[in-house]
Amino acid sequence: GYGVVNASAATQAARTWPDAGTLLSANEVIATGTAMPSVPIPDNNATGATSTITLSTTGISGVEFVELTVTSNHAEFGDLFITLTSPGGTASIITTPHTCNNGQPVPCGALLTGGHTFGVARLLGETANGVWTLNVSDAQAGNTGSLLSWGLKVHGY
């Protein structure tokens, strides 16, 4: 009937179901790119610092997931607005500025100094080839820093 699951049949099917990890890893293609712009992030300025990475002949016709690693010596992570724009023009907001108060469960301080990796899942099916653009802007006066480097690890098929 409606909404009823045959648990026995589901268990039987699961015993012979192929491992998705094996299927995906056999067909997965990974493309990487890095940039080391070392450009200042203007203090309290919406324009920010922009850098690009061009990927070509990746063999990826459809993106599944993107790992974005950003390294910055900016003194306050909470001041930053980070956006990644795909070759197809889709802008993914990675971080938004937030108030940092002691005791709050939000990231604060110079958290990007050693590099931090963010995951982007909203680009499903887009092409990996082309120009990827990272923009980092500072929404609060007082703390400064530079976009030192960034990299992409694009997973797809």
Protein backbone atom coordinates (compact mmCIF):
# COMPACT_ATOMS: atom_id res chain seq x y z
CA GLY A 1 0.00 0.00 0.00
CA TYR A 2 0.85 3.66 -0.04
CA GLY A 3 3.85 4.51 2.14
CA VAL A 4 4.53 0.92 3.18
CA VAL A 5 8.01 -0.49 2.64
CA ASN A 6 8.70 -4.17 2.18
CA ALA A 7 11.67 -4.41 4.57
CA SER A 8 12.52 -7.98 3.55
CA ALA A 9 12.69 -7.08 -0.15
CA ALA A 10 14.72 -3.94 0.61
CA THR A 11 17.22 -5.96 2.67
CA GLN A 12 17.56 -8.56 -0.10
CA ALA A 13 18.16 -5.84 -2.71
CA ALA A 14 20.78 -4.17 -0.49
CA ARG A 15 22.81 -7.39 -0.23
CA THR A 16 23.51 -7.39 -3.98
CA TRP A 17 23.47 -3.64 -4.64
CA PRO A 18 26.74 -2.37 -6.18
CA ASP A 19 28.96 -0.23 -3.96
CA ALA A 20 28.40 3.38 -5.06
CA GLY A 21 31.91 4.34 -3.95
CA THR A 22 33.45 1.84 -6.35
CA LEU A 23 31.22 2.93 -9.21
CA LEU A 24 31.89 6.62 -8.63
CA SER A 25 35.64 6.34 -8.14
CA ALA A 26 36.01 4.34 -11.35
CA ASN A 27 34.41 7.11 -13.40
CA GLU A 28 35.48 10.14 -11.40
CA VAL A 29 37.73 12.75 -12.96
CA ILE A 30 39.58 15.30 -10.82
CA ALA A 31 41.04 18.57 -12.08
CA THR A 32 43.13 20.96 -10.01
CA GLY A 33 44.39 24.51 -10.30
CA THR A 34 46.18 26.96 -8.04
CA ALA A 35 46.94 30.66 -7.94
CA MET A 36 49.28 32.65 -5.71
CA PRO A 37 48.16 36.24 -6.24
CA SER A 38 49.41 37.72 -2.93
CA VAL A 39 47.11 40.72 -3.42
CA PRO A 40 45.92 43.02 -0.62
CA ILE A 41 42.28 42.80 0.40
CA PRO A 42 41.21 46.47 0.63
CA ASP A 43 39.97 47.33 4.12
CA ASN A 44 36.20 47.90 4.40
CA ASN A 45 35.78 47.80 0.62
CA ALA A 46 33.11 45.80 -1.26
CA THR A 47 35.27 45.57 -4.41
CA GLY A 48 37.80 43.36 -2.65
CA ALA A 49 40.60 41.33 -4.18
CA THR A 50 39.97 39.18 -7.25
CA SER A 51 42.00 36.34 -8.73
CA THR A 52 41.36 33.79 -11.47
CA ILE A 53 42.32 30.22 -12.30
CA THR A 54 41.80 28.85 -15.81
CA LEU A 55 41.18 25.14 -16.21
CA SER A 56 41.32 23.58 -19.67
CA THR A 57 41.10 20.07 -21.11
CA THR A 58 40.01 18.72 -17.71
CA GLY A 59 37.98 15.87 -19.16
CA ILE A 60 35.12 16.92 -16.87
CA SER A 61 31.84 17.42 -18.71
CA GLY A 62 29.87 17.79 -15.48
CA VAL A 63 31.01 19.07 -12.09
CA GLU A 64 29.91 17.10 -9.04
CA PHE A 65 31.78 18.83 -6.21
CA VAL A 66 34.43 21.51 -5.79
CA GLU A 67 36.99 21.81 -3.00
CA LEU A 68 38.14 25.42 -2.62
CA THR A 69 41.20 26.10 -0.48
CA VAL A 70 41.88 29.72 0.49
CA THR A 71 44.97 31.07 2.26
CA SER A 72 44.98 34.59 3.63
CA ASN A 73 46.78 36.46 6.36
CA HIS A 74 43.75 38.66 7.05
CA ALA A 75 43.48 39.27 10.79
CA GLU A 76 39.72 38.68 11.05
CA PHE A 77 37.90 35.92 9.18
CA GLY A 78 34.56 37.37 10.31
CA ASP A 79 35.15 40.50 8.20
CA LEU A 80 35.38 38.57 4.93
CA PHE A 81 32.90 37.96 2.13
CA ILE A 82 34.23 35.21 -0.17
CA THR A 83 32.62 34.33 -3.49
CA LEU A 84 33.64 31.70 -6.07
CA THR A 85 32.29 32.15 -9.60
CA SER A 86 32.34 29.17 -11.97
CA PRO A 87 33.13 29.33 -15.70
CA GLY A 88 29.37 29.13 -16.30
CA GLY A 89 28.83 32.32 -14.28
CA THR A 90 27.32 30.76 -11.15
CA ALA A 91 28.40 32.72 -8.07
CA SER A 92 28.69 30.62 -4.91
CA ILE A 93 28.83 32.55 -1.65
CA ILE A 94 31.46 30.80 0.47
CA THR A 95 31.46 33.05 3.54
CA THR A 96 29.59 36.13 4.66
CA PRO A 97 30.74 38.69 7.21
CA HIS A 98 29.63 38.04 10.77
CA THR A 99 30.17 39.58 14.16
CA CYS A 100 32.83 37.87 16.22
CA ASN A 101 32.25 37.90 19.94
CA ASN A 102 34.14 35.92 22.52
CA GLY A 103 32.29 32.77 23.42
CA GLN A 104 30.23 32.66 20.21
CA PRO A 105 30.20 29.45 18.14
CA VAL A 106 31.26 31.27 14.95
CA PRO A 107 34.74 31.27 13.40
CA CYS A 108 36.82 34.31 14.32
CA GLY A 109 40.42 35.46 14.04
CA ALA A 110 43.03 34.72 11.39
CA LEU A 111 41.54 31.35 10.43
CA LEU A 112 42.76 31.31 6.81
CA THR A 113 46.46 31.72 7.68
CA GLY A 114 47.27 28.04 7.22
CA GLY A 115 44.71 27.62 4.44
CA HIS A 116 41.16 26.42 4.83
CA THR A 117 39.18 24.15 2.51
CA PHE A 118 35.52 24.84 1.77
CA GLY A 119 33.14 22.54 -0.12
CA VAL A 120 30.92 23.73 -2.95
CA ALA A 121 28.10 21.46 -4.13
CA ARG A 122 25.84 23.87 -6.03
CA LEU A 123 27.69 23.62 -9.36
CA LEU A 124 26.32 20.18 -10.24
CA GLY A 125 26.50 19.48 -13.96
CA GLU A 126 28.40 22.64 -14.91
CA THR A 127 31.56 22.55 -16.99
CA ALA A 128 34.94 22.64 -15.26
CA ASN A 129 36.75 24.16 -18.23
CA GLY A 130 37.14 27.91 -18.26
CA VAL A 131 37.88 30.78 -15.92
CA TRP A 132 37.13 30.36 -12.22
CA THR A 133 37.05 33.63 -10.27
CA LEU A 134 37.58 34.12 -6.54
CA ASN A 135 36.67 37.39 -4.88
CA VAL A 136 37.50 38.20 -1.27
CA SER A 137 36.21 41.46 0.16
CA ASP A 138 36.40 43.02 3.63
CA ALA A 139 33.16 44.36 5.14
CA GLN A 140 34.55 45.87 8.36
CA ALA A 141 37.12 48.61 8.97
CA GLY A 142 40.18 47.97 11.08
CA ASN A 143 41.61 44.58 10.12
CA THR A 144 43.65 43.99 6.99
CA GLY A 145 45.40 41.25 5.10
CA SER A 146 46.02 39.75 1.68
CA LEU A 147 44.71 36.91 -0.44
CA LEU A 148 47.91 34.84 -0.54
CA SER A 149 46.83 31.78 -2.51
CA TRP A 150 43.88 29.65 -3.47
CA GLY A 151 43.25 26.39 -5.20
CA LEU A 152 40.54 24.26 -6.72
CA LYS A 153 40.02 20.53 -6.75
CA VAL A 154 37.10 19.89 -9.08
CA HIS A 155 35.44 16.46 -8.96
CA GLY A 156 33.33 15.42 -11.89
CA TYR A 157 32.60 13.00 -14.68
